[in-house]
PDB file of N, CA and C in Angstrom:
ATOM      1  N   MET A   1       0.847  -1.167   0.000  1.00  0.00           N
ATOM      2  CA  MET A   1       0.000   0.000   0.000  1.00  0.00           C
ATOM      3  C   MET A   1       0.895   1.234   0.000  1.00  0.00           C
ATOM      4  N   GLN A   2       0.510   2.250  -0.729  1.00  0.00           N
ATOM      5  CA  GLN A   2       1.283   3.462  -0.812  1.00  0.00           C
ATOM      6  C   GLN A   2       0.543   4.578  -0.109  1.00  0.00           C
ATOM      7  N   HIS A   3       1.303   5.614   0.279  1.00  0.00           N
ATOM      8  CA  HIS A   3       0.663   6.768   0.911  1.00  0.00           C
ATOM      9  C   HIS A   3      -0.334   7.374  -0.045  1.00  0.00           C
ATOM     10  N   GLY A   4      -1.454   7.818   0.488  1.00  0.00           N
ATOM     11  CA  GLY A   4      -2.483   8.423  -0.317  1.00  0.00           C
ATOM     12  C   GLY A   4      -3.506   7.432  -0.843  1.00  0.00           C
ATOM     13  N   ASP A   5      -3.291   6.150  -0.613  1.00  0.00           N
ATOM     14  CA  ASP A   5      -4.233   5.136  -1.066  1.00  0.00           C
ATOM     15  C   ASP A   5      -5.523   5.239  -0.265  1.00  0.00           C
ATOM     16  N   HIS A   6      -6.602   4.882  -0.908  1.00  0.00           N
ATOM     17  CA  HIS A   6      -7.889   4.770  -0.237  1.00  0.00           C
ATOM     18  C   HIS A   6      -8.169   3.291  -0.078  1.00  0.00           C
ATOM     19  N   ILE A   7      -8.447   2.877   1.131  1.00  0.00           N
ATOM     20  CA  ILE A   7      -8.703   1.465   1.378  1.00  0.00           C
ATOM     21  C   ILE A   7      -9.935   1.317   2.251  1.00  0.00           C
ATOM     22  N   SER A   8     -10.488   0.122   2.238  1.00  0.00           N
ATOM     23  CA  SER A   8     -11.620  -0.172   3.109  1.00  0.00           C
ATOM     24  C   SER A   8     -11.155  -1.149   4.170  1.00  0.00           C
ATOM     25  N   ASN A   9     -11.645  -0.978   5.367  1.00  0.00           N
ATOM     26  CA  ASN A   9     -11.321  -1.953   6.397  1.00  0.00           C
ATOM     27  C   ASN A   9     -12.375  -3.039   6.388  1.00  0.00           C
ATOM     28  N   VAL A  10     -12.251  -4.003   7.263  1.00  0.00           N
ATOM     29  CA  VAL A  10     -13.159  -5.132   7.249  1.00  0.00           C
ATOM     30  C   VAL A  10     -14.586  -4.765   7.664  1.00  0.00           C
ATOM     31  N   THR A  11     -14.786  -3.573   8.176  1.00  0.00           N
ATOM     32  CA  THR A  11     -16.148  -3.152   8.494  1.00  0.00           C
ATOM     33  C   THR A  11     -16.765  -2.407   7.326  1.00  0.00           C
ATOM     34  N   GLY A  12     -15.999  -2.196   6.253  1.00  0.00           N
ATOM     35  CA  GLY A  12     -16.528  -1.570   5.058  1.00  0.00           C
ATOM     36  C   GLY A  12     -16.447  -0.056   5.034  1.00  0.00           C
ATOM     37  N   HIS A  13     -15.864   0.570   6.033  1.00  0.00           N
ATOM     38  CA  HIS A  13     -15.748   2.017   6.045  1.00  0.00           C
ATOM     39  C   HIS A  13     -14.461   2.417   5.333  1.00  0.00           C
ATOM     40  N   VAL A  14     -14.569   3.409   4.491  1.00  0.00           N
ATOM     41  CA  VAL A  14     -13.421   3.847   3.711  1.00  0.00           C
ATOM     42  C   VAL A  14     -12.681   4.934   4.477  1.00  0.00           C
ATOM     43  N   PHE A  15     -11.366   4.877   4.419  1.00  0.00           N
ATOM     44  CA  PHE A  15     -10.560   5.924   5.007  1.00  0.00           C
ATOM     45  C   PHE A  15      -9.318   6.101   4.152  1.00  0.00           C
ATOM     46  N   SER A  16      -8.625   7.192   4.345  1.00  0.00           N
ATOM     47  CA  SER A  16      -7.446   7.488   3.543  1.00  0.00           C
ATOM     48  C   SER A  16      -6.237   7.638   4.438  1.00  0.00           C
ATOM     49  N   ARG A  17      -5.099   7.227   3.901  1.00  0.00           N
ATOM     50  CA  ARG A  17      -3.833   7.500   4.562  1.00  0.00           C
ATOM     51  C   ARG A  17      -3.181   8.572   3.705  1.00  0.00           C
ATOM     52  N   VAL A  18      -2.910   9.733   4.285  1.00  0.00           N
ATOM     53  CA  VAL A  18      -2.452  10.873   3.519  1.00  0.00           C
ATOM     54  C   VAL A  18      -0.982  11.141   3.824  1.00  0.00           C
ATOM     55  N   GLU A  19      -0.215  11.299   2.763  1.00  0.00           N
ATOM     56  CA  GLU A  19       1.199  11.599   2.911  1.00  0.00           C
ATOM     57  C   GLU A  19       1.372  13.063   3.285  1.00  0.00           C
ATOM     58  N   LYS A  20       2.260  13.328   4.225  1.00  0.00           N
ATOM     59  CA  LYS A  20       2.624  14.678   4.643  1.00  0.00           C
ATOM     60  C   LYS A  20       1.438  15.478   5.168  1.00  0.00           C
ATOM     61  N   ALA A  21       0.594  14.863   5.965  1.00  0.00           N
ATOM     62  CA  ALA A  21      -0.518  15.594   6.576  1.00  0.00           C
ATOM     63  C   ALA A  21       0.051  16.575   7.592  1.00  0.00           C
ATOM     64  N   GLU A  22      -0.513  17.735   7.658  1.00  0.00           N
ATOM     65  CA  GLU A  22      -0.073  18.775   8.578  1.00  0.00           C
ATOM     66  C   GLU A  22      -1.059  18.870   9.739  1.00  0.00           C
ATOM     67  N   ALA A  23      -0.583  19.342  10.869  1.00  0.00           N
ATOM     68  CA  ALA A  23      -1.475  19.564  12.001  1.00  0.00           C
ATOM     69  C   ALA A  23      -2.558  20.547  11.569  1.00  0.00           C
ATOM     70  N   GLY A  24      -3.791  20.270  11.913  1.00  0.00           N
ATOM     71  CA  GLY A  24      -4.901  21.132  11.558  1.00  0.00           C
ATOM     72  C   GLY A  24      -5.575  20.745  10.255  1.00  0.00           C
ATOM     73  N   ASP A  25      -4.941  19.864   9.441  1.00  0.00           N
ATOM     74  CA  ASP A  25      -5.589  19.395   8.223  1.00  0.00           C
ATOM     75  C   ASP A  25      -6.778  18.536   8.613  1.00  0.00           C
ATOM     76  N   TYR A  26      -7.825  18.589   7.828  1.00  0.00           N
ATOM     77  CA  TYR A  26      -9.029  17.823   8.121  1.00  0.00           C
ATOM     78  C   TYR A  26      -9.260  16.830   6.991  1.00  0.00           C
ATOM     79  N   TYR A  27      -9.426  15.576   7.347  1.00  0.00           N
ATOM     80  CA  TYR A  27      -9.708  14.534   6.380  1.00  0.00           C
ATOM     81  C   TYR A  27     -10.921  13.760   6.866  1.00  0.00           C
ATOM     82  N   ALA A  28     -11.946  13.715   6.056  1.00  0.00           N
ATOM     83  CA  ALA A  28     -13.168  13.004   6.432  1.00  0.00           C
ATOM     84  C   ALA A  28     -12.902  11.508   6.430  1.00  0.00           C
ATOM     85  N   ALA A  29     -13.466  10.834   7.370  1.00  0.00           N
ATOM     86  CA  ALA A  29     -13.344   9.377   7.458  1.00  0.00           C
ATOM     87  C   ALA A  29     -14.685   8.824   7.892  1.00  0.00           C
ATOM     88  N   GLY A  30     -14.806   7.519   7.809  1.00  0.00           N
ATOM     89  CA  GLY A  30     -16.020   6.858   8.251  1.00  0.00           C
ATOM     90  C   GLY A  30     -16.123   6.902   9.762  1.00  0.00           C
ATOM     91  N   PRO A  31     -17.084   6.173  10.305  1.00  0.00           N
ATOM     92  CA  PRO A  31     -17.244   6.102  11.756  1.00  0.00           C
ATOM     93  C   PRO A  31     -15.965   5.591  12.408  1.00  0.00           C
ATOM     94  N   PRO A  32     -15.806   5.797  13.705  1.00  0.00           N
ATOM     95  CA  PRO A  32     -14.604   5.329  14.385  1.00  0.00           C
ATOM     96  C   PRO A  32     -14.352   3.849  14.083  1.00  0.00           C
ATOM     97  N   GLN A  33     -13.100   3.516  13.907  1.00  0.00           N
ATOM     98  CA  GLN A  33     -12.727   2.162  13.521  1.00  0.00           C
ATOM     99  C   GLN A  33     -12.755   1.218  14.716  1.00  0.00           C
ATOM    100  N   ASP A  34     -13.265   0.035  14.493  1.00  0.00           N
ATOM    101  CA  ASP A  34     -13.269  -1.023  15.479  1.00  0.00           C
ATOM    102  C   ASP A  34     -11.831  -1.508  15.649  1.00  0.00           C
ATOM    103  N   PRO A  35     -11.278  -1.487  16.861  1.00  0.00           N
ATOM    104  CA  PRO A  35      -9.887  -1.899  17.059  1.00  0.00           C
ATOM    105  C   PRO A  35      -9.617  -3.327  16.557  1.00  0.00           C
ATOM    106  N   ARG A  36     -10.579  -4.195  16.695  1.00  0.00           N
ATOM    107  CA  ARG A  36     -10.409  -5.569  16.216  1.00  0.00           C
ATOM    108  C   ARG A  36     -10.315  -5.617  14.690  1.00  0.00           C
ATOM    109  N   ALA A  37     -11.131  -4.800  14.027  1.00  0.00           N
ATOM    110  CA  ALA A  37     -11.092  -4.724  12.566  1.00  0.00           C
ATOM    111  C   ALA A  37      -9.762  -4.156  12.095  1.00  0.00           C
ATOM    112  N   LEU A  38      -9.259  -3.145  12.788  1.00  0.00           N
ATOM    113  CA  LEU A  38      -7.964  -2.572  12.428  1.00  0.00           C
ATOM    114  C   LEU A  38      -6.840  -3.583  12.620  1.00  0.00           C
ATOM    115  N   GLU A  39      -6.910  -4.376  13.674  1.00  0.00           N
ATOM    116  CA  GLU A  39      -5.893  -5.403  13.918  1.00  0.00           C
ATOM    117  C   GLU A  39      -5.953  -6.469  12.822  1.00  0.00           C
ATOM    118  N   LEU A  40      -7.140  -6.862  12.431  1.00  0.00           N
ATOM    119  CA  LEU A  40      -7.284  -7.846  11.364  1.00  0.00           C
ATOM    120  C   LEU A  40      -6.719  -7.293  10.055  1.00  0.00           C
ATOM    121  N   GLN A  41      -7.012  -6.041   9.767  1.00  0.00           N
ATOM    122  CA  GLN A  41      -6.475  -5.404   8.567  1.00  0.00           C
ATOM    123  C   GLN A  41      -4.942  -5.398   8.613  1.00  0.00           C
ATOM    124  N   SER A  42      -4.385  -5.075   9.757  1.00  0.00           N
ATOM    125  CA  SER A  42      -2.935  -5.063   9.916  1.00  0.00           C
ATOM    126  C   SER A  42      -2.335  -6.448   9.680  1.00  0.00           C
ATOM    127  N   ARG A  43      -2.992  -7.464  10.194  1.00  0.00           N
ATOM    128  CA  ARG A  43      -2.483  -8.834  10.012  1.00  0.00           C
ATOM    129  C   ARG A  43      -2.622  -9.303   8.571  1.00  0.00           C
ATOM    130  N   MET A  44      -3.666  -8.860   7.881  1.00  0.00           N
ATOM    131  CA  MET A  44      -3.795  -9.185   6.460  1.00  0.00           C
ATOM    132  C   MET A  44      -2.664  -8.534   5.667  1.00  0.00           C
ATOM    133  N   GLU A  45      -2.338  -7.304   6.005  1.00  0.00           N
ATOM    134  CA  GLU A  45      -1.232  -6.618   5.338  1.00  0.00           C
ATOM    135  C   GLU A  45       0.093  -7.327   5.613  1.00  0.00           C
ATOM    136  N   GLU A  46       0.264  -7.816   6.832  1.00  0.00           N
ATOM    137  CA  GLU A  46       1.482  -8.565   7.178  1.00  0.00           C
ATOM    138  C   GLU A  46       1.552  -9.853   6.367  1.00  0.00           C
ATOM    139  N   LEU A  47       0.444 -10.533   6.206  1.00  0.00           N
ATOM    140  CA  LEU A  47       0.420 -11.749   5.395  1.00  0.00           C
ATOM    141  C   LEU A  47       0.841 -11.437   3.962  1.00  0.00           C
ATOM    142  N   GLU A  48       0.310 -10.370   3.406  1.00  0.00           N
ATOM    143  CA  GLU A  48       0.678  -9.971   2.046  1.00  0.00           C
ATOM    144  C   GLU A  48       2.174  -9.672   1.951  1.00  0.00           C
ATOM    145  N   ARG A  49       2.725  -8.983   2.953  1.00  0.00           N
ATOM    146  CA  ARG A  49       4.165  -8.663   2.963  1.00  0.00           C
ATOM    147  C   ARG A  49       5.008  -9.932   3.021  1.00  0.00           C
ATOM    148  N   GLN A  50       4.601 -10.876   3.867  1.00  0.00           N
ATOM    149  CA  GLN A  50       5.378 -12.109   4.013  1.00  0.00           C
ATOM    150  C   GLN A  50       5.351 -12.942   2.732  1.00  0.00           C
ATOM    151  N   ILE A  51       4.209 -13.007   2.081  1.00  0.00           N
ATOM    152  CA  ILE A  51       4.122 -13.747   0.818  1.00  0.00           C
ATOM    153  C   ILE A  51       5.031 -13.090  -0.221  1.00  0.00           C
ATOM    154  N   ALA A  52       5.017 -11.755  -0.282  1.00  0.00           N
ATOM    155  CA  ALA A  52       5.886 -11.044  -1.221  1.00  0.00           C
ATOM    156  C   ALA A  52       7.359 -11.264  -0.884  1.00  0.00           C
ATOM    157  N   GLN A  53       7.688 -11.209   0.397  1.00  0.00           N
ATOM    158  CA  GLN A  53       9.086 -11.361   0.813  1.00  0.00           C
ATOM    159  C   GLN A  53       9.626 -12.756   0.501  1.00  0.00           C
ATOM    160  N   TYR A  54       8.806 -13.784   0.654  1.00  0.00           N
ATOM    161  CA  TYR A  54       9.253 -15.166   0.462  1.00  0.00           C
ATOM    162  C   TYR A  54       8.753 -15.767  -0.857  1.00  0.00           C
ATOM    163  N   ALA A  55       8.390 -14.913  -1.804  1.00  0.00           N
ATOM    164  CA  ALA A  55       7.840 -15.393  -3.077  1.00  0.00           C
ATOM    165  C   ALA A  55       8.778 -16.370  -3.782  1.00  0.00           C
ATOM    166  N   VAL A  56      10.072 -16.146  -3.700  1.00  0.00           N
ATOM    167  CA  VAL A  56      11.030 -17.029  -4.374  1.00  0.00           C
ATOM    168  C   VAL A  56      11.088 -18.388  -3.685  1.00  0.00           C
ATOM    169  N   THR A  57      10.916 -18.412  -2.389  1.00  0.00           N
ATOM    170  CA  THR A  57      10.974 -19.647  -1.602  1.00  0.00           C
ATOM    171  C   THR A  57       9.696 -20.469  -1.725  1.00  0.00           C
ATOM    172  N   LEU A  58       8.571 -19.791  -1.872  1.00  0.00           N
ATOM    173  CA  LEU A  58       7.276 -20.469  -1.937  1.00  0.00           C
ATOM    174  C   LEU A  58       7.054 -21.045  -3.332  1.00  0.00           C
ATOM    175  N   PRO A  59       6.714 -22.319  -3.419  1.00  0.00           N
ATOM    176  CA  PRO A  59       6.490 -22.907  -4.745  1.00  0.00           C
ATOM    177  C   PRO A  59       5.206 -22.403  -5.417  1.00  0.00           C
ATOM    178  N   ASN A  60       4.329 -21.790  -4.660  1.00  0.00           N
ATOM    179  CA  ASN A  60       3.025 -21.372  -5.181  1.00  0.00           C
ATOM    180  C   ASN A  60       2.658 -19.967  -4.711  1.00  0.00           C
ATOM    181  N   ALA A  61       3.615 -19.046  -4.786  1.00  0.00           N
ATOM    182  CA  ALA A  61       3.386 -17.687  -4.283  1.00  0.00           C
ATOM    183  C   ALA A  61       2.213 -17.012  -4.994  1.00  0.00           C
ATOM    184  N   GLY A  62       2.075 -17.224  -6.292  1.00  0.00           N
ATOM    185  CA  GLY A  62       0.963 -16.617  -7.030  1.00  0.00           C
ATOM    186  C   GLY A  62      -0.380 -17.087  -6.507  1.00  0.00           C
ATOM    187  N   GLN A  63      -0.470 -18.374  -6.249  1.00  0.00           N
ATOM    188  CA  GLN A  63      -1.723 -18.927  -5.720  1.00  0.00           C
ATOM    189  C   GLN A  63      -1.993 -18.384  -4.316  1.00  0.00           C
ATOM    190  N   LEU A  64      -0.950 -18.239  -3.504  1.00  0.00           N
ATOM    191  CA  LEU A  64      -1.133 -17.693  -2.157  1.00  0.00           C
ATOM    192  C   LEU A  64      -1.604 -16.241  -2.212  1.00  0.00           C
ATOM    193  N   ARG A  65      -1.090 -15.476  -3.178  1.00  0.00           N
ATOM    194  CA  ARG A  65      -1.561 -14.095  -3.343  1.00  0.00           C
ATOM    195  C   ARG A  65      -3.048 -14.089  -3.720  1.00  0.00           C
ATOM    196  N   GLU A  66      -3.451 -14.984  -4.609  1.00  0.00           N
ATOM    197  CA  GLU A  66      -4.858 -15.069  -5.002  1.00  0.00           C
ATOM    198  C   GLU A  66      -5.743 -15.472  -3.831  1.00  0.00           C
ATOM    199  N   LEU A  67      -5.277 -16.434  -3.037  1.00  0.00           N
ATOM    200  CA  LEU A  67      -6.044 -16.857  -1.860  1.00  0.00           C
ATOM    201  C   LEU A  67      -6.177 -15.712  -0.857  1.00  0.00           C
ATOM    202  N   THR A  68      -5.107 -14.955  -0.684  1.00  0.00           N
ATOM    203  CA  THR A  68      -5.128 -13.814   0.233  1.00  0.00           C
ATOM    204  C   THR A  68      -6.103 -12.754  -0.257  1.00  0.00           C
ATOM    205  N   GLU A  69      -6.106 -12.497  -1.559  1.00  0.00           N
ATOM    206  CA  GLU A  69      -7.058 -11.536  -2.123  1.00  0.00           C
ATOM    207  C   GLU A  69      -8.498 -12.017  -1.924  1.00  0.00           C
ATOM    208  N   ALA A  70      -8.733 -13.307  -2.136  1.00  0.00           N
ATOM    209  CA  ALA A  70     -10.073 -13.871  -1.945  1.00  0.00           C
ATOM    210  C   ALA A  70     -10.500 -13.769  -0.481  1.00  0.00           C
ATOM    211  N   LEU A  71      -9.562 -14.035   0.430  1.00  0.00           N
ATOM    212  CA  LEU A  71      -9.865 -13.922   1.857  1.00  0.00           C
ATOM    213  C   LEU A  71     -10.194 -12.478   2.212  1.00  0.00           C
ATOM    214  N   ASN A  72      -9.403 -11.558   1.716  1.00  0.00           N
ATOM    215  CA  ASN A  72      -9.652 -10.143   1.985  1.00  0.00           C
ATOM    216  C   ASN A  72     -11.017  -9.726   1.440  1.00  0.00           C
ATOM    217  N   ALA A  73     -11.368 -10.206   0.249  1.00  0.00           N
ATOM    218  CA  ALA A  73     -12.676  -9.893  -0.337  1.00  0.00           C
ATOM    219  C   ALA A  73     -13.808 -10.435   0.536  1.00  0.00           C
ATOM    220  N   GLN A  74     -13.649 -11.636   1.046  1.00  0.00           N
ATOM    221  CA  GLN A  74     -14.665 -12.212   1.942  1.00  0.00           C
ATOM    222  C   GLN A  74     -14.805 -11.364   3.205  1.00  0.00           C
ATOM    223  N   LEU A  75     -13.678 -10.958   3.770  1.00  0.00           N
ATOM    224  CA  LEU A  75     -13.704 -10.192   5.012  1.00  0.00           C
ATOM    225  C   LEU A  75     -14.272  -8.794   4.812  1.00  0.00           C
ATOM    226  N   GLN A  76     -14.239  -8.290   3.588  1.00  0.00           N
ATOM    227  CA  GLN A  76     -14.794  -6.970   3.294  1.00  0.00           C
ATOM    228  C   GLN A  76     -16.313  -6.996   3.239  1.00  0.00           C
ATOM    229  N   GLN A  77     -16.887  -8.163   3.044  1.00  0.00           N
ATOM    230  CA  GLN A  77     -18.344  -8.273   2.951  1.00  0.00           C
ATOM    231  C   GLN A  77     -18.977  -8.019   4.315  1.00  0.00           C
ATOM    232  N   GLY A  78     -20.204  -7.562   4.286  1.00  0.00           N
ATOM    233  CA  GLY A  78     -20.928  -7.318   5.532  1.00  0.00           C
ATOM    234  C   GLY A  78     -21.078  -8.578   6.368  1.00  0.00           C
ATOM    235  N   ARG A  79     -21.279  -9.712   5.696  1.00  0.00           N
ATOM    236  CA  ARG A  79     -21.427 -10.996   6.389  1.00  0.00           C
ATOM    237  C   ARG A  79     -20.577 -12.029   5.649  1.00  0.00           C
ATOM    238  N   PRO A  80     -19.283 -12.116   5.977  1.00  0.00           N
ATOM    239  CA  PRO A  80     -18.418 -13.083   5.295  1.00  0.00           C
ATOM    240  C   PRO A  80     -18.945 -14.510   5.465  1.00  0.00           C
ATOM    241  N   ASN A  81     -18.774 -15.317   4.433  1.00  0.00           N
ATOM    242  CA  ASN A  81     -19.174 -16.719   4.485  1.00  0.00           C
ATOM    243  C   ASN A  81     -18.132 -17.474   5.306  1.00  0.00           C
ATOM    244  N   ARG A  82     -18.529 -17.932   6.467  1.00  0.00           N
ATOM    245  CA  ARG A  82     -17.618 -18.581   7.409  1.00  0.00           C
ATOM    246  C   ARG A  82     -16.945 -19.817   6.794  1.00  0.00           C
ATOM    247  N   THR A  83     -17.692 -20.591   6.020  1.00  0.00           N
ATOM    248  CA  THR A  83     -17.146 -21.798   5.389  1.00  0.00           C
ATOM    249  C   THR A  83     -16.056 -21.435   4.392  1.00  0.00           C
ATOM    250  N   ILE A  84     -16.303 -20.419   3.594  1.00  0.00           N
ATOM    251  CA  ILE A  84     -15.302 -19.985   2.612  1.00  0.00           C
ATOM    252  C   ILE A  84     -14.078 -19.422   3.311  1.00  0.00           C
ATOM    253  N   VAL A  85     -14.283 -18.625   4.342  1.00  0.00           N
ATOM    254  CA  VAL A  85     -13.158 -18.038   5.078  1.00  0.00           C
ATOM    255  C   VAL A  85     -12.283 -19.149   5.660  1.00  0.00           C
ATOM    256  N   ARG A  86     -12.892 -20.135   6.299  1.00  0.00           N
ATOM    257  CA  ARG A  86     -12.124 -21.253   6.885  1.00  0.00           C
ATOM    258  C   ARG A  86     -11.386 -22.034   5.804  1.00  0.00           C
ATOM    259  N   SER A  87     -12.041 -22.259   4.678  1.00  0.00           N
ATOM    260  CA  SER A  87     -11.416 -22.980   3.574  1.00  0.00           C
ATOM    261  C   SER A  87     -10.203 -22.215   3.029  1.00  0.00           C
ATOM    262  N   LEU A  88     -10.343 -20.912   2.897  1.00  0.00           N
ATOM    263  CA  LEU A  88      -9.227 -20.090   2.424  1.00  0.00           C
ATOM    264  C   LEU A  88      -8.071 -20.117   3.418  1.00  0.00           C
ATOM    265  N   LEU A  89      -8.388 -20.038   4.701  1.00  0.00           N
ATOM    266  CA  LEU A  89      -7.334 -20.108   5.726  1.00  0.00           C
ATOM    267  C   LEU A  89      -6.637 -21.461   5.703  1.00  0.00           C
ATOM    268  N   ASP A  90      -7.402 -22.541   5.535  1.00  0.00           N
ATOM    269  CA  ASP A  90      -6.801 -23.882   5.441  1.00  0.00           C
ATOM    270  C   ASP A  90      -5.881 -23.984   4.234  1.00  0.00           C
ATOM    271  N   SER A  91      -6.312 -23.432   3.104  1.00  0.00           N
ATOM    272  CA  SER A  91      -5.495 -23.464   1.893  1.00  0.00           C
ATOM    273  C   SER A  91      -4.231 -22.627   2.057  1.00  0.00           C
ATOM    274  N   LEU A  92      -4.350 -21.480   2.709  1.00  0.00           N
ATOM    275  CA  LEU A  92      -3.172 -20.649   2.963  1.00  0.00           C
ATOM    276  C   LEU A  92      -2.193 -21.358   3.894  1.00  0.00           C
ATOM    277  N   THR A  93      -2.720 -22.036   4.903  1.00  0.00           N
ATOM    278  CA  THR A  93      -1.864 -22.785   5.831  1.00  0.00           C
ATOM    279  C   THR A  93      -1.115 -23.878   5.094  1.00  0.00           C
ATOM    280  N   ALA A  94      -1.821 -24.633   4.276  1.00  0.00           N
ATOM    281  CA  ALA A  94      -1.187 -25.709   3.514  1.00  0.00           C
ATOM    282  C   ALA A  94      -0.161 -25.145   2.527  1.00  0.00           C
ATOM    283  N   GLY A  95      -0.481 -24.024   1.891  1.00  0.00           N
ATOM    284  CA  GLY A  95       0.413 -23.432   0.901  1.00  0.00           C
ATOM    285  C   GLY A  95       1.648 -22.779   1.489  1.00  0.00           C
ATOM    286  N   ALA A  96       1.580 -22.437   2.777  1.00  0.00           N
ATOM    287  CA  ALA A  96       2.735 -21.802   3.417  1.00  0.00           C
ATOM    288  C   ALA A  96       3.914 -22.757   3.507  1.00  0.00           C
ATOM    289  N   GLY A  97       3.614 -24.061   3.432  1.00  0.00           N
ATOM    290  CA  GLY A  97       4.686 -25.050   3.460  1.00  0.00           C
ATOM    291  C   GLY A  97       5.583 -24.881   4.666  1.00  0.00           C
ATOM    292  N   GLY A  98       6.865 -24.932   4.428  1.00  0.00           N
ATOM    293  CA  GLY A  98       7.833 -24.838   5.517  1.00  0.00           C
ATOM    294  C   GLY A  98       8.317 -23.424   5.786  1.00  0.00           C
ATOM    295  N   VAL A  99       7.635 -22.424   5.247  1.00  0.00           N
ATOM    296  CA  VAL A  99       8.064 -21.039   5.456  1.00  0.00           C
ATOM    297  C   VAL A  99       7.383 -20.509   6.717  1.00  0.00           C
ATOM    298  N   ALA A 100       8.144 -20.540   7.808  1.00  0.00           N
ATOM    299  CA  ALA A 100       7.585 -20.211   9.125  1.00  0.00           C
ATOM    300  C   ALA A 100       6.994 -18.806   9.184  1.00  0.00           C
ATOM    301  N   ALA A 101       7.605 -17.841   8.535  1.00  0.00           N
ATOM    302  CA  ALA A 101       7.113 -16.461   8.607  1.00  0.00           C
ATOM    303  C   ALA A 101       5.741 -16.338   7.946  1.00  0.00           C
ATOM    304  N   VAL A 102       5.542 -17.033   6.838  1.00  0.00           N
ATOM    305  CA  VAL A 102       4.244 -16.995   6.148  1.00  0.00           C
ATOM    306  C   VAL A 102       3.207 -17.737   6.987  1.00  0.00           C
ATOM    307  N   LEU A 103       3.575 -18.889   7.498  1.00  0.00           N
ATOM    308  CA  LEU A 103       2.662 -19.654   8.351  1.00  0.00           C
ATOM    309  C   LEU A 103       2.268 -18.853   9.583  1.00  0.00           C
ATOM    310  N   SER A 104       3.212 -18.169  10.173  1.00  0.00           N
ATOM    311  CA  SER A 104       2.929 -17.330  11.338  1.00  0.00           C
ATOM    312  C   SER A 104       1.955 -16.211  10.985  1.00  0.00           C
ATOM    313  N   ALA A 105       2.128 -15.618   9.806  1.00  0.00           N
ATOM    314  CA  ALA A 105       1.215 -14.550   9.372  1.00  0.00           C
ATOM    315  C   ALA A 105      -0.191 -15.098   9.146  1.00  0.00           C
ATOM    316  N   VAL A 106      -0.299 -16.287   8.551  1.00  0.00           N
ATOM    317  CA  VAL A 106      -1.615 -16.911   8.353  1.00  0.00           C
ATOM    318  C   VAL A 106      -2.258 -17.177   9.706  1.00  0.00           C
ATOM    319  N   ASN A 107      -1.486 -17.724  10.633  1.00  0.00           N
ATOM    320  CA  ASN A 107      -2.017 -18.011  11.974  1.00  0.00           C
ATOM    321  C   ASN A 107      -2.443 -16.732  12.694  1.00  0.00           C
ATOM    322  N   GLY A 108      -1.727 -15.648  12.455  1.00  0.00           N
ATOM    323  CA  GLY A 108      -2.095 -14.361  13.055  1.00  0.00           C
ATOM    324  C   GLY A 108      -3.453 -13.875  12.577  1.00  0.00           C
ATOM    325  N   VAL A 109      -3.719 -14.069  11.299  1.00  0.00           N
ATOM    326  CA  VAL A 109      -5.039 -13.706  10.748  1.00  0.00           C
ATOM    327  C   VAL A 109      -6.107 -14.632  11.331  1.00  0.00           C
ATOM    328  N   ALA A 110      -5.826 -15.940  11.290  1.00  0.00           N
ATOM    329  CA  ALA A 110      -6.803 -16.929  11.761  1.00  0.00           C
ATOM    330  C   ALA A 110      -7.183 -16.698  13.225  1.00  0.00           C
ATOM    331  N   ALA A 111      -6.238 -16.248  14.018  1.00  0.00           N
ATOM    332  CA  ALA A 111      -6.496 -16.037  15.446  1.00  0.00           C
ATOM    333  C   ALA A 111      -7.552 -14.962  15.695  1.00  0.00           C
ATOM    334  N   LEU A 112      -7.735 -14.069  14.757  1.00  0.00           N
ATOM    335  CA  LEU A 112      -8.713 -12.975  14.938  1.00  0.00           C
ATOM    336  C   LEU A 112     -10.079 -13.286  14.332  1.00  0.00           C
ATOM    337  N   ILE A 113     -10.192 -14.431  13.691  1.00  0.00           N
ATOM    338  CA  ILE A 113     -11.465 -14.785  13.066  1.00  0.00           C
ATOM    339  C   ILE A 113     -12.185 -15.808  13.926  1.00  0.00           C
ATOM    340  N   PRO A 114     -13.358 -15.434  14.441  1.00  0.00           N
ATOM    341  CA  PRO A 114     -14.086 -16.338  15.343  1.00  0.00           C
ATOM    342  C   PRO A 114     -14.572 -17.602  14.644  1.00  0.00           C
TER     343      PRO A 114
END
């Protein structure tokens, strides 16, 4: 993600991260963010970083990126399909193989999903 990007969190509220914001600048945002949703978003970003960092080591990095995108899309929905979310997490776990950092990132996401 780059500065100035507009993203949605898992609760569906859009907010912006602005580069070089000055004190007194006003930026409209959605309702206050749920701390749990922000933590989940942070862990999803960490998973994406780990997959990118270990792409050469992972035999199926492209597939893991697609699974991560699908998981993120499910989590963006108002009512994510629990069966699909669990299936995506299982596939990400299996695809992480022996790369501990990627597996740890997947487990970090899974820990926040009831």
